[in-house]
Amino acid sequence: EPCGFEPTYQELASAVKEEYPDIEIESRLGGTGAFEIEINGQLVFSKLENGGFPYEKDLIEAIRRARNGEPLEKITNSRPPCVIL
């Protein structure tokens, strides 16, 4: 199912692991329509707020900021939840 949450989760998790192999990624089943990302317990992305999924580059940047001790900001850019060609 190309438009489901699982493929998107796997894609983002893979991109994060490629950039930061030592990072710990945890997945939990959320409410209907929810796709949220927390870094060190802080919510940085919510599909319910943004209407789509985060871009890999924005997530990687948020992780970089966290690792450098910089303040985290919410990711506000989002890609559409599904693209049908």
PDB file of N, CA and C in Angstrom:
ATOM      1  N   GLU A   1       0.845  -1.182   0.000  1.00  0.00           N
ATOM      2  CA  GLU A   1       0.000   0.000   0.000  1.00  0.00           C
ATOM      3  C   GLU A   1       0.891   1.245   0.000  1.00  0.00           C
ATOM      4  N   PRO A   2       1.088   1.868  -1.150  1.00  0.00           N
ATOM      5  CA  PRO A   2       2.024   2.982  -1.267  1.00  0.00           C
ATOM      6  C   PRO A   2       1.600   4.235  -0.511  1.00  0.00           C
ATOM      7  N   CYS A   3       0.319   4.369  -0.185  1.00  0.00           N
ATOM      8  CA  CYS A   3      -0.167   5.578   0.491  1.00  0.00           C
ATOM      9  C   CYS A   3      -0.315   5.389   1.994  1.00  0.00           C
ATOM     10  N   GLY A   4       0.031   4.227   2.503  1.00  0.00           N
ATOM     11  CA  GLY A   4      -0.143   3.963   3.930  1.00  0.00           C
ATOM     12  C   GLY A   4       0.945   4.593   4.779  1.00  0.00           C
ATOM     13  N   PHE A   5       0.744   4.552   6.080  1.00  0.00           N
ATOM     14  CA  PHE A   5       1.701   5.138   7.007  1.00  0.00           C
ATOM     15  C   PHE A   5       2.955   4.287   7.137  1.00  0.00           C
ATOM     16  N   GLU A   6       2.815   2.962   7.052  1.00  0.00           N
ATOM     17  CA  GLU A   6       3.962   2.066   7.246  1.00  0.00           C
ATOM     18  C   GLU A   6       5.069   2.314   6.219  1.00  0.00           C
ATOM     19  N   PRO A   7       4.748   2.411   4.913  1.00  0.00           N
ATOM     20  CA  PRO A   7       5.822   2.691   3.954  1.00  0.00           C
ATOM     21  C   PRO A   7       6.516   4.030   4.226  1.00  0.00           C
ATOM     22  N   THR A   8       5.756   5.024   4.629  1.00  0.00           N
ATOM     23  CA  THR A   8       6.338   6.333   4.933  1.00  0.00           C
ATOM     24  C   THR A   8       7.231   6.241   6.159  1.00  0.00           C
ATOM     25  N   TYR A   9       6.768   5.542   7.185  1.00  0.00           N
ATOM     26  CA  TYR A   9       7.578   5.341   8.387  1.00  0.00           C
ATOM     27  C   TYR A   9       8.893   4.643   8.020  1.00  0.00           C
ATOM     28  N   GLN A  10       8.804   3.572   7.238  1.00  0.00           N
ATOM     29  CA  GLN A  10      10.001   2.813   6.856  1.00  0.00           C
ATOM     30  C   GLN A  10      10.972   3.683   6.057  1.00  0.00           C
ATOM     31  N   GLU A  11      10.437   4.491   5.159  1.00  0.00           N
ATOM     32  CA  GLU A  11      11.261   5.378   4.334  1.00  0.00           C
ATOM     33  C   GLU A  11      11.999   6.401   5.207  1.00  0.00           C
ATOM     34  N   LEU A  12      11.277   7.027   6.123  1.00  0.00           N
ATOM     35  CA  LEU A  12      11.897   8.016   7.006  1.00  0.00           C
ATOM     36  C   LEU A  12      12.896   7.366   7.960  1.00  0.00           C
ATOM     37  N   ALA A  13      12.529   6.223   8.532  1.00  0.00           N
ATOM     38  CA  ALA A  13      13.426   5.518   9.452  1.00  0.00           C
ATOM     39  C   ALA A  13      14.713   5.112   8.743  1.00  0.00           C
ATOM     40  N   SER A  14      14.594   4.650   7.513  1.00  0.00           N
ATOM     41  CA  SER A  14      15.757   4.244   6.732  1.00  0.00           C
ATOM     42  C   SER A  14      16.675   5.439   6.461  1.00  0.00           C
ATOM     43  N   ALA A  15      16.088   6.577   6.102  1.00  0.00           N
ATOM     44  CA  ALA A  15      16.881   7.780   5.831  1.00  0.00           C
ATOM     45  C   ALA A  15      17.602   8.250   7.091  1.00  0.00           C
ATOM     46  N   VAL A  16      16.919   8.190   8.224  1.00  0.00           N
ATOM     47  CA  VAL A  16      17.524   8.603   9.493  1.00  0.00           C
ATOM     48  C   VAL A  16      18.666   7.660   9.857  1.00  0.00           C
ATOM     49  N   LYS A  17      18.445   6.352   9.731  1.00  0.00           N
ATOM     50  CA  LYS A  17      19.479   5.360  10.068  1.00  0.00           C
ATOM     51  C   LYS A  17      20.698   5.490   9.153  1.00  0.00           C
ATOM     52  N   GLU A  18      20.460   5.860   7.903  1.00  0.00           N
ATOM     53  CA  GLU A  18      21.571   6.037   6.970  1.00  0.00           C
ATOM     54  C   GLU A  18      22.451   7.208   7.418  1.00  0.00           C
ATOM     55  N   GLU A  19      21.818   8.272   7.870  1.00  0.00           N
ATOM     56  CA  GLU A  19      22.544   9.465   8.314  1.00  0.00           C
ATOM     57  C   GLU A  19      23.114   9.296   9.726  1.00  0.00           C
ATOM     58  N   TYR A  20      22.348   8.656  10.596  1.00  0.00           N
ATOM     59  CA  TYR A  20      22.722   8.481  12.005  1.00  0.00           C
ATOM     60  C   TYR A  20      22.524   7.022  12.407  1.00  0.00           C
ATOM     61  N   PRO A  21      23.493   6.141  12.080  1.00  0.00           N
ATOM     62  CA  PRO A  21      23.327   4.705  12.328  1.00  0.00           C
ATOM     63  C   PRO A  21      23.109   4.338  13.796  1.00  0.00           C
ATOM     64  N   ASP A  22      23.575   5.175  14.721  1.00  0.00           N
ATOM     65  CA  ASP A  22      23.480   4.841  16.143  1.00  0.00           C
ATOM     66  C   ASP A  22      22.183   5.327  16.794  1.00  0.00           C
ATOM     67  N   ILE A  23      21.319   5.958  16.033  1.00  0.00           N
ATOM     68  CA  ILE A  23      20.102   6.538  16.612  1.00  0.00           C
ATOM     69  C   ILE A  23      19.081   5.450  16.929  1.00  0.00           C
ATOM     70  N   GLU A  24      18.315   5.665  17.988  1.00  0.00           N
ATOM     71  CA  GLU A  24      17.266   4.721  18.377  1.00  0.00           C
ATOM     72  C   GLU A  24      15.929   5.234  17.851  1.00  0.00           C
ATOM     73  N   ILE A  25      15.234   4.395  17.102  1.00  0.00           N
ATOM     74  CA  ILE A  25      13.940   4.757  16.528  1.00  0.00           C
ATOM     75  C   ILE A  25      12.886   3.838  17.120  1.00  0.00           C
ATOM     76  N   GLU A  26      11.812   4.427  17.576  1.00  0.00           N
ATOM     77  CA  GLU A  26      10.729   3.661  18.192  1.00  0.00           C
ATOM     78  C   GLU A  26       9.431   3.990  17.470  1.00  0.00           C
ATOM     79  N   SER A  27       8.646   2.959  17.209  1.00  0.00           N
ATOM     80  CA  SER A  27       7.359   3.133  16.530  1.00  0.00           C
ATOM     81  C   SER A  27       6.240   2.719  17.471  1.00  0.00           C
ATOM     82  N   ARG A  28       5.208   3.558  17.531  1.00  0.00           N
ATOM     83  CA  ARG A  28       4.015   3.229  18.319  1.00  0.00           C
ATOM     84  C   ARG A  28       2.793   3.502  17.458  1.00  0.00           C
ATOM     85  N   LEU A  29       1.805   2.655  17.599  1.00  0.00           N
ATOM     86  CA  LEU A  29       0.560   2.851  16.874  1.00  0.00           C
ATOM     87  C   LEU A  29      -0.198   4.000  17.513  1.00  0.00           C
ATOM     88  N   GLY A  30      -0.573   4.980  16.693  1.00  0.00           N
ATOM     89  CA  GLY A  30      -1.284   6.152  17.210  1.00  0.00           C
ATOM     90  C   GLY A  30      -2.745   6.124  16.818  1.00  0.00           C
ATOM     91  N   GLY A  31      -3.389   7.238  17.032  1.00  0.00           N
ATOM     92  CA  GLY A  31      -4.797   7.361  16.684  1.00  0.00           C
ATOM     93  C   GLY A  31      -4.993   7.455  15.184  1.00  0.00           C
ATOM     94  N   THR A  32      -6.217   7.367  14.757  1.00  0.00           N
ATOM     95  CA  THR A  32      -6.546   7.418  13.341  1.00  0.00           C
ATOM     96  C   THR A  32      -6.050   8.720  12.724  1.00  0.00           C
ATOM     97  N   GLY A  33      -5.281   8.593  11.661  1.00  0.00           N
ATOM     98  CA  GLY A  33      -4.771   9.757  10.947  1.00  0.00           C
ATOM     99  C   GLY A  33      -3.555  10.406  11.576  1.00  0.00           C
ATOM    100  N   ALA A  34      -3.114   9.895  12.722  1.00  0.00           N
ATOM    101  CA  ALA A  34      -1.971  10.502  13.410  1.00  0.00           C
ATOM    102  C   ALA A  34      -0.658   9.928  12.893  1.00  0.00           C
ATOM    103  N   PHE A  35       0.298  10.794  12.672  1.00  0.00           N
ATOM    104  CA  PHE A  35       1.669  10.413  12.340  1.00  0.00           C
ATOM    105  C   PHE A  35       2.524  11.493  12.983  1.00  0.00           C
ATOM    106  N   GLU A  36       3.080  11.185  14.133  1.00  0.00           N
ATOM    107  CA  GLU A  36       3.826  12.175  14.891  1.00  0.00           C
ATOM    108  C   GLU A  36       5.263  11.728  15.092  1.00  0.00           C
ATOM    109  N   ILE A  37       6.140  12.712  15.161  1.00  0.00           N
ATOM    110  CA  ILE A  37       7.553  12.432  15.391  1.00  0.00           C
ATOM    111  C   ILE A  37       8.003  13.242  16.597  1.00  0.00           C
ATOM    112  N   GLU A  38       8.610  12.536  17.534  1.00  0.00           N
ATOM    113  CA  GLU A  38       9.185  13.177  18.713  1.00  0.00           C
ATOM    114  C   GLU A  38      10.688  12.953  18.694  1.00  0.00           C
ATOM    115  N   ILE A  39      11.406  13.952  19.136  1.00  0.00           N
ATOM    116  CA  ILE A  39      12.851  13.831  19.324  1.00  0.00           C
ATOM    117  C   ILE A  39      13.115  14.135  20.790  1.00  0.00           C
ATOM    118  N   ASN A  40      13.685  13.171  21.486  1.00  0.00           N
ATOM    119  CA  ASN A  40      13.950  13.316  22.923  1.00  0.00           C
ATOM    120  C   ASN A  40      12.694  13.745  23.679  1.00  0.00           C
ATOM    121  N   GLY A  41      11.555  13.169  23.299  1.00  0.00           N
ATOM    122  CA  GLY A  41      10.307  13.439  23.997  1.00  0.00           C
ATOM    123  C   GLY A  41       9.584  14.712  23.585  1.00  0.00           C
ATOM    124  N   GLN A  42      10.162  15.462  22.659  1.00  0.00           N
ATOM    125  CA  GLN A  42       9.527  16.711  22.211  1.00  0.00           C
ATOM    126  C   GLN A  42       8.896  16.504  20.837  1.00  0.00           C
ATOM    127  N   LEU A  43       7.621  16.847  20.717  1.00  0.00           N
ATOM    128  CA  LEU A  43       6.917  16.717  19.448  1.00  0.00           C
ATOM    129  C   LEU A  43       7.492  17.709  18.442  1.00  0.00           C
ATOM    130  N   VAL A  44       7.997  17.191  17.318  1.00  0.00           N
ATOM    131  CA  VAL A  44       8.545  18.075  16.285  1.00  0.00           C
ATOM    132  C   VAL A  44       7.738  18.024  14.995  1.00  0.00           C
ATOM    133  N   PHE A  45       6.868  17.015  14.864  1.00  0.00           N
ATOM    134  CA  PHE A  45       6.036  16.941  13.664  1.00  0.00           C
ATOM    135  C   PHE A  45       4.729  16.231  13.982  1.00  0.00           C
ATOM    136  N   SER A  46       3.639  16.764  13.436  1.00  0.00           N
ATOM    137  CA  SER A  46       2.327  16.138  13.572  1.00  0.00           C
ATOM    138  C   SER A  46       1.595  16.217  12.243  1.00  0.00           C
ATOM    139  N   LYS A  47       1.240  15.059  11.697  1.00  0.00           N
ATOM    140  CA  LYS A  47       0.479  15.015  10.451  1.00  0.00           C
ATOM    141  C   LYS A  47      -0.885  15.667  10.635  1.00  0.00           C
ATOM    142  N   LEU A  48      -1.468  15.526  11.811  1.00  0.00           N
ATOM    143  CA  LEU A  48      -2.776  16.130  12.068  1.00  0.00           C
ATOM    144  C   LEU A  48      -2.701  17.654  11.978  1.00  0.00           C
ATOM    145  N   GLU A  49      -1.562  18.230  12.353  1.00  0.00           N
ATOM    146  CA  GLU A  49      -1.386  19.681  12.273  1.00  0.00           C
ATOM    147  C   GLU A  49      -0.997  20.132  10.872  1.00  0.00           C
ATOM    148  N   ASN A  50      -0.196  19.315  10.179  1.00  0.00           N
ATOM    149  CA  ASN A  50       0.372  19.733   8.897  1.00  0.00           C
ATOM    150  C   ASN A  50      -0.332  19.160   7.674  1.00  0.00           C
ATOM    151  N   GLY A  51      -1.099  18.107   7.835  1.00  0.00           N
ATOM    152  CA  GLY A  51      -1.848  17.546   6.718  1.00  0.00           C
ATOM    153  C   GLY A  51      -1.064  16.665   5.770  1.00  0.00           C
ATOM    154  N   GLY A  52       0.174  16.374   6.076  1.00  0.00           N
ATOM    155  CA  GLY A  52       0.982  15.522   5.211  1.00  0.00           C
ATOM    156  C   GLY A  52       2.067  14.849   6.035  1.00  0.00           C
ATOM    157  N   PHE A  53       3.125  14.448   5.364  1.00  0.00           N
ATOM    158  CA  PHE A  53       4.255  13.798   6.019  1.00  0.00           C
ATOM    159  C   PHE A  53       5.483  14.697   5.912  1.00  0.00           C
ATOM    160  N   PRO A  54       6.441  14.554   6.836  1.00  0.00           N
ATOM    161  CA  PRO A  54       7.630  15.409   6.773  1.00  0.00           C
ATOM    162  C   PRO A  54       8.551  15.004   5.629  1.00  0.00           C
ATOM    163  N   TYR A  55       9.324  15.964   5.180  1.00  0.00           N
ATOM    164  CA  TYR A  55      10.381  15.682   4.215  1.00  0.00           C
ATOM    165  C   TYR A  55      11.574  15.120   4.980  1.00  0.00           C
ATOM    166  N   GLU A  56      12.271  14.175   4.346  1.00  0.00           N
ATOM    167  CA  GLU A  56      13.438  13.549   4.985  1.00  0.00           C
ATOM    168  C   GLU A  56      14.448  14.591   5.434  1.00  0.00           C
ATOM    169  N   LYS A  57      14.741  15.557   4.561  1.00  0.00           N
ATOM    170  CA  LYS A  57      15.772  16.556   4.870  1.00  0.00           C
ATOM    171  C   LYS A  57      15.420  17.373   6.112  1.00  0.00           C
ATOM    172  N   ASP A  58      14.131  17.663   6.300  1.00  0.00           N
ATOM    173  CA  ASP A  58      13.714  18.431   7.473  1.00  0.00           C
ATOM    174  C   ASP A  58      13.869  17.611   8.755  1.00  0.00           C
ATOM    175  N   LEU A  59      13.568  16.328   8.671  1.00  0.00           N
ATOM    176  CA  LEU A  59      13.723  15.451   9.830  1.00  0.00           C
ATOM    177  C   LEU A  59      15.200  15.282  10.186  1.00  0.00           C
ATOM    178  N   ILE A  60      16.035  15.077   9.182  1.00  0.00           N
ATOM    179  CA  ILE A  60      17.484  14.942   9.401  1.00  0.00           C
ATOM    180  C   ILE A  60      18.030  16.215  10.050  1.00  0.00           C
ATOM    181  N   GLU A  61      17.566  17.367   9.578  1.00  0.00           N
ATOM    182  CA  GLU A  61      18.016  18.647  10.142  1.00  0.00           C
ATOM    183  C   GLU A  61      17.577  18.791  11.599  1.00  0.00           C
ATOM    184  N   ALA A  62      16.358  18.383  11.918  1.00  0.00           N
ATOM    185  CA  ALA A  62      15.874  18.456  13.299  1.00  0.00           C
ATOM    186  C   ALA A  62      16.722  17.573  14.211  1.00  0.00           C
ATOM    187  N   ILE A  63      17.088  16.393  13.730  1.00  0.00           N
ATOM    188  CA  ILE A  63      17.930  15.487  14.518  1.00  0.00           C
ATOM    189  C   ILE A  63      19.317  16.093  14.701  1.00  0.00           C
ATOM    190  N   ARG A  64      19.849  16.692  13.646  1.00  0.00           N
ATOM    191  CA  ARG A  64      21.163  17.336  13.737  1.00  0.00           C
ATOM    192  C   ARG A  64      21.141  18.426  14.811  1.00  0.00           C
ATOM    193  N   ARG A  65      20.081  19.232  14.803  1.00  0.00           N
ATOM    194  CA  ARG A  65      19.953  20.307  15.799  1.00  0.00           C
ATOM    195  C   ARG A  65      19.920  19.723  17.219  1.00  0.00           C
ATOM    196  N   ALA A  66      19.155  18.665  17.401  1.00  0.00           N
ATOM    197  CA  ALA A  66      19.049  18.039  18.723  1.00  0.00           C
ATOM    198  C   ALA A  66      20.406  17.513  19.178  1.00  0.00           C
ATOM    199  N   ARG A  67      21.121  16.899  18.275  1.00  0.00           N
ATOM    200  CA  ARG A  67      22.433  16.338  18.621  1.00  0.00           C
ATOM    201  C   ARG A  67      23.443  17.419  18.965  1.00  0.00           C
ATOM    202  N   ASN A  68      23.261  18.596  18.371  1.00  0.00           N
ATOM    203  CA  ASN A  68      24.173  19.710  18.643  1.00  0.00           C
ATOM    204  C   ASN A  68      23.727  20.547  19.838  1.00  0.00           C
ATOM    205  N   GLY A  69      22.650  20.113  20.494  1.00  0.00           N
ATOM    206  CA  GLY A  69      22.165  20.839  21.657  1.00  0.00           C
ATOM    207  C   GLY A  69      21.415  22.115  21.322  1.00  0.00           C
ATOM    208  N   GLU A  70      21.057  22.270  20.050  1.00  0.00           N
ATOM    209  CA  GLU A  70      20.311  23.458  19.629  1.00  0.00           C
ATOM    210  C   GLU A  70      18.828  23.268  19.945  1.00  0.00           C
ATOM    211  N   PRO A  71      18.096  24.371  20.107  1.00  0.00           N
ATOM    212  CA  PRO A  71      16.663  24.240  20.387  1.00  0.00           C
ATOM    213  C   PRO A  71      15.922  23.598  19.217  1.00  0.00           C
ATOM    214  N   LEU A  72      14.969  22.742  19.546  1.00  0.00           N
ATOM    215  CA  LEU A  72      14.170  22.094  18.510  1.00  0.00           C
ATOM    216  C   LEU A  72      13.007  22.990  18.122  1.00  0.00           C
ATOM    217  N   GLU A  73      12.709  22.991  16.839  1.00  0.00           N
ATOM    218  CA  GLU A  73      11.556  23.721  16.328  1.00  0.00           C
ATOM    219  C   GLU A  73      10.670  22.728  15.611  1.00  0.00           C
ATOM    220  N   LYS A  74       9.375  23.001  15.603  1.00  0.00           N
ATOM    221  CA  LYS A  74       8.458  22.111  14.894  1.00  0.00           C
ATOM    222  C   LYS A  74       8.724  22.172  13.397  1.00  0.00           C
ATOM    223  N   ILE A  75       8.633  21.019  12.768  1.00  0.00           N
ATOM    224  CA  ILE A  75       8.732  20.922  11.313  1.00  0.00           C
ATOM    225  C   ILE A  75       7.375  21.331  10.755  1.00  0.00           C
ATOM    226  N   THR A  76       7.364  22.364   9.920  1.00  0.00           N
ATOM    227  CA  THR A  76       6.086  22.852   9.392  1.00  0.00           C
ATOM    228  C   THR A  76       5.890  22.524   7.916  1.00  0.00           C
ATOM    229  N   ASN A  77       6.970  22.200   7.207  1.00  0.00           N
ATOM    230  CA  ASN A  77       6.827  21.780   5.808  1.00  0.00           C
ATOM    231  C   ASN A  77       6.305  20.357   5.775  1.00  0.00           C
ATOM    232  N   SER A  78       5.438  20.071   4.817  1.00  0.00           N
ATOM    233  CA  SER A  78       4.984  18.688   4.677  1.00  0.00           C
ATOM    234  C   SER A  78       4.676  18.388   3.227  1.00  0.00           C
ATOM    235  N   ARG A  79       4.881  17.124   2.897  1.00  0.00           N
ATOM    236  CA  ARG A  79       4.554  16.658   1.548  1.00  0.00           C
ATOM    237  C   ARG A  79       3.171  16.032   1.594  1.00  0.00           C
ATOM    238  N   PRO A  80       2.485  15.983   0.468  1.00  0.00           N
ATOM    239  CA  PRO A  80       1.138  15.403   0.461  1.00  0.00           C
ATOM    240  C   PRO A  80       1.164  13.967   0.967  1.00  0.00           C
ATOM    241  N   PRO A  81       0.086  13.549   1.632  1.00  0.00           N
ATOM    242  CA  PRO A  81       0.053  12.194   2.168  1.00  0.00           C
ATOM    243  C   PRO A  81       0.062  11.116   1.094  1.00  0.00           C
ATOM    244  N   CYS A  82      -0.370  11.434  -0.110  1.00  0.00           N
ATOM    245  CA  CYS A  82      -0.397  10.427  -1.169  1.00  0.00           C
ATOM    246  C   CYS A  82      -0.354  11.112  -2.524  1.00  0.00           C
ATOM    247  N   VAL A  83       0.440  10.562  -3.421  1.00  0.00           N
ATOM    248  CA  VAL A  83       0.495  11.080  -4.781  1.00  0.00           C
ATOM    249  C   VAL A  83       0.127   9.944  -5.718  1.00  0.00           C
ATOM    250  N   ILE A  84      -0.895  10.155  -6.497  1.00  0.00           N
ATOM    251  CA  ILE A  84      -1.316   9.144  -7.466  1.00  0.00           C
ATOM    252  C   ILE A  84      -0.955   9.657  -8.847  1.00  0.00           C
ATOM    253  N   LEU A  85      -0.134   8.884  -9.541  1.00  0.00           N
ATOM    254  CA  LEU A  85       0.317   9.294 -10.874  1.00  0.00           C
ATOM    255  C   LEU A  85      -0.547   8.697 -11.948  1.00  0.00           C
TER     256      LEU A  85
END
